[in-house]
N, C-alpha and C. Protein backbone atom coordinates (compact mmCIF):
# COMPACT_ATOMS: atom_id res chain seq x y z
N UNK A 1 43.93 31.25 13.90
CA UNK A 1 43.95 30.19 14.89
C UNK A 1 43.01 29.08 14.42
N UNK A 2 43.50 27.88 14.22
CA UNK A 2 42.63 26.79 13.79
C UNK A 2 41.71 26.35 14.92
N UNK A 3 40.53 25.90 14.52
CA UNK A 3 39.57 25.42 15.49
C UNK A 3 40.08 24.15 16.15
N UNK A 4 39.87 24.06 17.45
CA UNK A 4 40.26 22.86 18.18
C UNK A 4 39.03 22.11 18.64
N UNK A 5 37.95 22.26 17.90
CA UNK A 5 36.74 21.53 18.24
C UNK A 5 35.84 22.23 19.23
N UNK A 6 36.18 23.45 19.64
CA UNK A 6 35.33 24.20 20.56
C UNK A 6 34.30 24.93 19.73
N UNK A 7 33.04 24.84 20.14
CA UNK A 7 32.00 25.52 19.38
C UNK A 7 31.04 26.22 20.32
N UNK A 8 30.06 26.86 19.75
CA UNK A 8 29.11 27.64 20.53
C UNK A 8 27.81 26.90 20.78
N UNK A 9 27.78 25.61 20.47
CA UNK A 9 26.57 24.82 20.71
C UNK A 9 26.47 24.45 22.18
N UNK A 10 25.29 24.05 22.58
CA UNK A 10 25.05 23.69 23.97
C UNK A 10 25.96 22.56 24.43
N UNK A 11 26.25 21.60 23.54
CA UNK A 11 27.08 20.47 23.98
C UNK A 11 28.52 20.90 24.24
N UNK A 12 28.93 22.07 23.74
CA UNK A 12 30.26 22.58 24.07
C UNK A 12 30.37 22.88 25.55
N UNK A 13 29.34 23.51 26.11
CA UNK A 13 29.33 23.77 27.55
C UNK A 13 29.12 22.49 28.34
N UNK A 14 28.36 21.57 27.80
CA UNK A 14 28.17 20.28 28.48
C UNK A 14 29.51 19.57 28.66
N UNK A 15 30.37 19.65 27.66
CA UNK A 15 31.69 19.03 27.77
C UNK A 15 32.48 19.67 28.91
N UNK A 16 32.36 20.98 29.06
CA UNK A 16 33.06 21.65 30.16
C UNK A 16 32.50 21.22 31.50
N UNK A 17 31.18 21.10 31.57
CA UNK A 17 30.56 20.66 32.82
C UNK A 17 31.07 19.29 33.22
N UNK A 18 31.29 18.42 32.24
CA UNK A 18 31.79 17.09 32.52
C UNK A 18 33.26 17.11 32.94
N UNK A 19 34.02 18.09 32.43
CA UNK A 19 35.46 18.10 32.64
C UNK A 19 35.89 18.80 33.93
N UNK A 20 35.09 19.69 34.48
CA UNK A 20 35.56 20.54 35.57
C UNK A 20 34.98 20.31 36.96
N UNK A 21 34.19 19.27 37.20
CA UNK A 21 33.64 19.14 38.55
C UNK A 21 34.75 19.06 39.59
N UNK A 22 34.59 19.82 40.64
CA UNK A 22 35.54 19.78 41.74
C UNK A 22 36.79 20.59 41.52
N UNK A 23 37.01 21.10 40.33
CA UNK A 23 38.22 21.86 40.05
C UNK A 23 38.14 23.23 40.71
N UNK A 24 36.96 23.84 40.68
CA UNK A 24 36.77 25.16 41.25
C UNK A 24 35.83 25.04 42.44
N UNK A 25 36.38 25.04 43.66
CA UNK A 25 35.53 24.87 44.83
C UNK A 25 34.55 26.02 44.98
N UNK A 26 33.43 25.71 45.60
CA UNK A 26 32.41 26.73 45.82
C UNK A 26 32.93 27.79 46.78
N UNK A 27 32.62 29.03 46.49
CA UNK A 27 33.06 30.15 47.31
C UNK A 27 32.13 30.36 48.49
N UNK A 28 32.68 30.84 49.59
CA UNK A 28 31.86 31.21 50.74
C UNK A 28 31.44 32.67 50.68
N UNK A 29 31.85 33.37 49.61
CA UNK A 29 31.55 34.79 49.47
C UNK A 29 30.08 35.07 49.25
N UNK A 30 29.73 36.32 49.38
CA UNK A 30 28.35 36.78 49.22
C UNK A 30 27.94 36.67 47.76
N UNK A 31 26.87 35.93 47.49
CA UNK A 31 26.40 35.72 46.11
C UNK A 31 26.05 37.04 45.44
N UNK A 32 25.57 38.02 46.20
CA UNK A 32 25.19 39.30 45.61
C UNK A 32 26.40 40.02 45.03
N UNK A 33 27.58 39.78 45.57
CA UNK A 33 28.79 40.39 45.03
C UNK A 33 29.17 39.79 43.69
N UNK A 34 28.72 38.57 43.42
CA UNK A 34 29.06 37.92 42.16
C UNK A 34 27.99 38.15 41.11
N UNK A 35 26.82 38.61 41.50
CA UNK A 35 25.75 38.89 40.55
C UNK A 35 25.91 40.30 40.00
N UNK A 36 24.98 40.70 39.17
CA UNK A 36 24.97 42.07 38.71
C UNK A 36 25.64 42.30 37.37
N UNK A 37 25.88 41.25 36.62
CA UNK A 37 26.40 41.46 35.26
C UNK A 37 25.38 42.28 34.50
N UNK A 38 25.84 43.11 33.64
CA UNK A 38 24.94 44.04 32.96
C UNK A 38 24.54 43.59 31.57
N UNK A 39 24.85 42.37 31.19
CA UNK A 39 24.44 41.88 29.88
C UNK A 39 25.18 42.54 28.73
N UNK A 40 26.42 42.88 28.93
CA UNK A 40 27.19 43.56 27.89
C UNK A 40 27.88 42.59 26.94
N UNK A 41 27.62 41.31 27.11
CA UNK A 41 28.33 40.32 26.30
C UNK A 41 28.11 40.52 24.80
N UNK A 42 26.88 40.86 24.40
CA UNK A 42 26.59 41.04 22.98
C UNK A 42 27.44 42.17 22.39
N UNK A 43 27.52 43.28 23.10
CA UNK A 43 28.34 44.40 22.64
C UNK A 43 29.81 43.98 22.57
N UNK A 44 30.28 43.26 23.58
CA UNK A 44 31.67 42.83 23.60
C UNK A 44 31.99 41.92 22.42
N UNK A 45 31.09 41.00 22.10
CA UNK A 45 31.32 40.10 20.97
C UNK A 45 31.32 40.88 19.66
N UNK A 46 30.40 41.81 19.52
CA UNK A 46 30.38 42.62 18.29
C UNK A 46 31.66 43.44 18.14
N UNK A 47 32.16 44.00 19.23
CA UNK A 47 33.41 44.74 19.18
C UNK A 47 34.55 43.81 18.80
N UNK A 48 34.57 42.61 19.37
CA UNK A 48 35.62 41.64 19.03
C UNK A 48 35.59 41.31 17.55
N UNK A 49 34.40 41.09 17.00
CA UNK A 49 34.27 40.79 15.57
C UNK A 49 34.76 41.96 14.72
N UNK A 50 34.40 43.17 15.13
CA UNK A 50 34.85 44.37 14.41
C UNK A 50 36.37 44.48 14.42
N UNK A 51 36.98 44.03 15.50
CA UNK A 51 38.43 44.09 15.64
C UNK A 51 39.14 42.89 15.01
N UNK A 52 38.39 42.04 14.32
CA UNK A 52 39.01 40.94 13.59
C UNK A 52 39.14 39.63 14.32
N UNK A 53 38.55 39.51 15.49
CA UNK A 53 38.59 38.25 16.22
C UNK A 53 37.66 37.27 15.50
N UNK A 54 38.12 36.04 15.32
CA UNK A 54 37.34 35.05 14.58
C UNK A 54 36.33 34.33 15.49
N UNK A 55 35.39 33.65 14.84
CA UNK A 55 34.40 32.84 15.57
C UNK A 55 35.10 31.81 16.45
N UNK A 56 36.11 31.15 15.90
CA UNK A 56 36.82 30.13 16.67
C UNK A 56 37.54 30.74 17.87
N UNK A 57 38.11 31.93 17.70
CA UNK A 57 38.79 32.59 18.82
C UNK A 57 37.80 32.99 19.90
N UNK A 58 36.64 33.49 19.49
CA UNK A 58 35.60 33.84 20.47
C UNK A 58 35.16 32.60 21.24
N UNK A 59 34.96 31.50 20.53
CA UNK A 59 34.55 30.25 21.18
C UNK A 59 35.61 29.79 22.17
N UNK A 60 36.88 29.90 21.82
CA UNK A 60 37.97 29.51 22.72
C UNK A 60 37.97 30.36 23.98
N UNK A 61 37.77 31.66 23.83
CA UNK A 61 37.74 32.55 24.99
C UNK A 61 36.60 32.16 25.93
N UNK A 62 35.44 31.91 25.36
CA UNK A 62 34.29 31.52 26.18
C UNK A 62 34.57 30.20 26.90
N UNK A 63 35.13 29.25 26.17
CA UNK A 63 35.43 27.93 26.74
C UNK A 63 36.39 28.05 27.92
N UNK A 64 37.48 28.78 27.73
CA UNK A 64 38.50 28.87 28.78
C UNK A 64 38.06 29.77 29.94
N UNK A 65 37.26 30.79 29.66
CA UNK A 65 36.80 31.68 30.71
C UNK A 65 35.73 31.05 31.59
N UNK A 66 35.07 30.01 31.09
CA UNK A 66 33.97 29.39 31.84
C UNK A 66 34.40 28.94 33.23
N UNK A 67 35.58 28.38 33.34
CA UNK A 67 36.06 27.91 34.63
C UNK A 67 36.33 29.02 35.62
N UNK A 68 36.61 30.19 35.11
CA UNK A 68 36.91 31.33 35.97
C UNK A 68 35.68 32.19 36.22
N UNK A 69 34.90 32.43 35.17
CA UNK A 69 33.74 33.32 35.26
C UNK A 69 32.50 32.58 35.73
N UNK A 70 32.48 31.27 35.56
CA UNK A 70 31.32 30.47 35.94
C UNK A 70 30.47 30.13 34.73
N UNK A 71 29.72 29.07 34.86
CA UNK A 71 28.92 28.59 33.74
C UNK A 71 27.76 29.50 33.38
N UNK A 72 27.11 30.17 34.34
CA UNK A 72 26.07 31.12 33.93
C UNK A 72 26.64 32.24 33.04
N UNK A 73 27.81 32.74 33.39
CA UNK A 73 28.44 33.78 32.57
C UNK A 73 28.84 33.22 31.21
N UNK A 74 29.35 32.01 31.19
CA UNK A 74 29.73 31.39 29.92
C UNK A 74 28.52 31.15 29.04
N UNK A 75 27.42 30.74 29.64
CA UNK A 75 26.19 30.54 28.87
C UNK A 75 25.69 31.86 28.30
N UNK A 76 25.74 32.92 29.10
CA UNK A 76 25.33 34.24 28.61
C UNK A 76 26.24 34.69 27.48
N UNK A 77 27.54 34.46 27.61
CA UNK A 77 28.48 34.84 26.56
C UNK A 77 28.24 34.02 25.29
N UNK A 78 27.98 32.73 25.46
CA UNK A 78 27.70 31.89 24.29
C UNK A 78 26.44 32.35 23.57
N UNK A 79 25.40 32.68 24.34
CA UNK A 79 24.16 33.18 23.75
C UNK A 79 24.41 34.48 22.99
N UNK A 80 25.17 35.38 23.58
CA UNK A 80 25.50 36.65 22.93
C UNK A 80 26.31 36.41 21.67
N UNK A 81 27.26 35.49 21.73
CA UNK A 81 28.09 35.20 20.55
C UNK A 81 27.23 34.63 19.44
N UNK A 82 26.33 33.74 19.78
CA UNK A 82 25.45 33.17 18.75
C UNK A 82 24.59 34.25 18.11
N UNK A 83 24.08 35.16 18.91
CA UNK A 83 23.26 36.25 18.36
C UNK A 83 24.10 37.15 17.46
N UNK A 84 25.29 37.52 17.92
CA UNK A 84 26.16 38.40 17.14
C UNK A 84 26.58 37.76 15.83
N UNK A 85 26.76 36.44 15.86
CA UNK A 85 27.20 35.71 14.66
C UNK A 85 26.04 35.25 13.79
N UNK A 86 24.82 35.42 14.29
CA UNK A 86 23.66 34.97 13.53
C UNK A 86 23.55 33.47 13.45
N UNK A 87 24.01 32.78 14.49
CA UNK A 87 24.01 31.31 14.52
C UNK A 87 22.72 30.83 15.15
């Protein structure tokens, strides 16, 4: 899969922040139900790399998942990806 300009740098998430305001309305749900991620992103990225997923594909997944998972989750995933890739 060729890179489409998505990267793991901070400005990659900044571009998403600029593009998505108002697209995903704030939830009235209990914040505690949305918390509690266990920090497994690093393991997931390492497994993806072992299975042949490329850096560009990982970056695309993080970029597209940000709107659904939220920016804190995307930031955690980006940090894990950078650590796994040694970036």
